[in-house]
Structures are given as structure tokens and as C-alpha cells.
Amino acid sequence: MNIEIIRVGGARETHDVHRASAITEIRKHIGATCLDTVNLRNGMVMMVDDTGFVDKKPVNPEATKLYHGVCKPGTTHPICGDVAIARDADFA
């Protein structure tokens, strides 16, 4: 399966990961020990570092923009750290 990484600085990368080990590989690609997901409501899911904010990782402006686009209006919490985006159906 293919994933897209959005780095804090805005760089984008694509990677092929094995479906059976996708979560482990995604965690390695974005430097996260624990993941949380954001349903982007377009068939895609964004996987974020669950402790990125607490660990004081830099804000990811691109990921934050995607997050705020699907959140309740007025949400101000940023996404911190690198993120991965993949097709939600790839995890079914």
C-alpha cells in the first residue's frame, strides 16, 4: 500500500509499506511511538503522532490545515510532528 508523508517543513514523500506491517512502518516513517487517526472524509485517513504536542514537536502547518478542514469550527489545536496519509480502505 502507498502512504504519503507530510513533513513538518512541508516536504512530501511517498512510500510503499507492507499491509501486514503498515502501522509499524508508518510509526517509523514519522517518528511516533503511538498513532492517532484523523478521518479526512474523502476516503483518506491521516495518521498523526499521538504525543507530538506533548513531546513539543514542531507544528505541521500542512497537516494542521487538513485537520482544521474536517474539525468542528473553532478548533485551534495544531498537529505536531510529521504525519502519514493513506487510503482508509487499505486498513479494512
Protein backbone atom coordinates (compact mmCIF):
# COMPACT_ATOMS: atom_id res chain seq x y z
CA MET A 1 0.00 0.00 0.00
CA ASN A 2 1.12 3.56 -0.62
CA ILE A 3 1.38 6.27 2.00
CA GLU A 4 2.23 9.93 1.73
CA ILE A 5 4.33 11.54 4.43
CA ILE A 6 3.92 15.25 5.10
CA ARG A 7 6.95 16.53 6.96
CA VAL A 8 6.84 19.48 9.38
CA GLY A 9 8.68 21.63 6.85
CA GLY A 10 6.11 20.86 4.12
CA ALA A 11 8.10 18.25 2.19
CA ARG A 12 6.04 15.37 0.86
CA GLU A 13 7.25 11.82 0.28
CA THR A 14 5.57 8.67 -0.89
CA HIS A 15 6.45 5.23 0.40
CA ASP A 16 5.28 1.70 -0.23
CA VAL A 17 4.59 -0.17 3.01
CA HIS A 18 3.56 -3.77 3.56
CA ARG A 19 -0.07 -4.04 4.57
CA ALA A 20 0.70 -6.57 7.32
CA SER A 21 3.21 -4.25 8.99
CA ALA A 22 1.78 -0.89 7.87
CA ILE A 23 1.25 0.59 11.34
CA THR A 24 4.77 -0.29 12.47
CA GLU A 25 6.27 1.10 9.27
CA ILE A 26 4.21 4.29 9.46
CA ARG A 27 5.28 4.85 13.07
CA LYS A 28 8.93 4.55 11.95
CA HIS A 29 8.48 6.89 8.99
CA ILE A 30 7.01 9.66 11.14
CA GLY A 31 8.96 9.00 14.34
CA ALA A 32 5.96 8.17 16.50
CA THR A 33 5.54 5.59 19.25
CA CYS A 34 1.75 5.85 19.24
CA LEU A 35 -0.60 6.89 16.43
CA ASP A 36 -3.93 8.64 16.34
CA THR A 37 -6.04 8.99 13.22
CA VAL A 38 -7.97 11.78 11.57
CA ASN A 39 -10.67 10.82 9.07
CA LEU A 40 -10.21 13.29 6.22
CA ARG A 41 -13.71 12.40 4.94
CA ASN A 42 -12.53 11.85 1.40
CA GLY A 43 -11.62 8.19 1.70
CA MET A 44 -8.27 9.09 3.24
CA VAL A 45 -7.02 8.90 6.81
CA MET A 46 -4.22 10.94 8.35
CA MET A 47 -2.09 9.22 10.98
CA VAL A 48 -0.52 11.58 13.49
CA ASP A 49 1.93 11.24 16.36
CA ASP A 50 -0.41 10.93 19.35
CA THR A 51 2.14 12.56 21.66
CA GLY A 52 3.58 15.08 19.20
CA PHE A 53 2.08 18.05 21.05
CA VAL A 54 3.13 16.81 24.50
CA ASP A 55 6.62 15.97 23.20
CA LYS A 56 6.86 19.55 21.87
CA LYS A 57 7.39 18.53 18.26
CA PRO A 58 7.08 21.43 15.81
CA VAL A 59 3.69 22.34 14.39
CA ASN A 60 3.00 20.82 10.99
CA PRO A 61 1.15 23.62 9.12
CA GLU A 62 0.01 21.45 6.20
CA ALA A 63 -1.34 18.70 8.47
CA THR A 64 -2.96 21.28 10.75
CA LYS A 65 -4.76 22.80 7.75
CA LEU A 66 -6.09 19.36 6.75
CA TYR A 67 -7.16 18.70 10.35
CA HIS A 68 -8.95 22.02 10.75
CA GLY A 69 -10.72 21.38 7.43
CA VAL A 70 -12.60 18.43 8.95
CA CYS A 71 -12.95 19.60 12.56
CA LYS A 72 -15.71 21.39 14.36
CA PRO A 73 -15.49 25.11 13.51
CA GLY A 74 -13.38 26.98 16.03
CA THR A 75 -10.94 24.12 16.65
CA THR A 76 -7.48 25.59 17.26
CA HIS A 77 -5.39 22.57 18.33
CA PRO A 78 -2.43 22.09 15.94
CA ILE A 79 -0.99 18.88 14.55
CA CYS A 80 2.61 18.50 15.70
CA GLY A 81 5.20 16.33 14.01
CA ASP A 82 5.27 14.52 10.70
CA VAL A 83 2.11 12.73 9.51
CA ALA A 84 1.19 9.93 7.12
CA ILE A 85 -1.82 9.83 4.81
CA ALA A 86 -3.25 6.63 3.36
CA ARG A 87 -6.45 5.28 1.89
CA ASP A 88 -8.80 4.31 4.70
CA ALA A 89 -9.90 1.22 2.73
CA ASP A 90 -6.35 -0.13 2.86
CA PHE A 91 -6.88 -0.85 6.56
CA ALA A 92 -10.15 -2.75 6.16
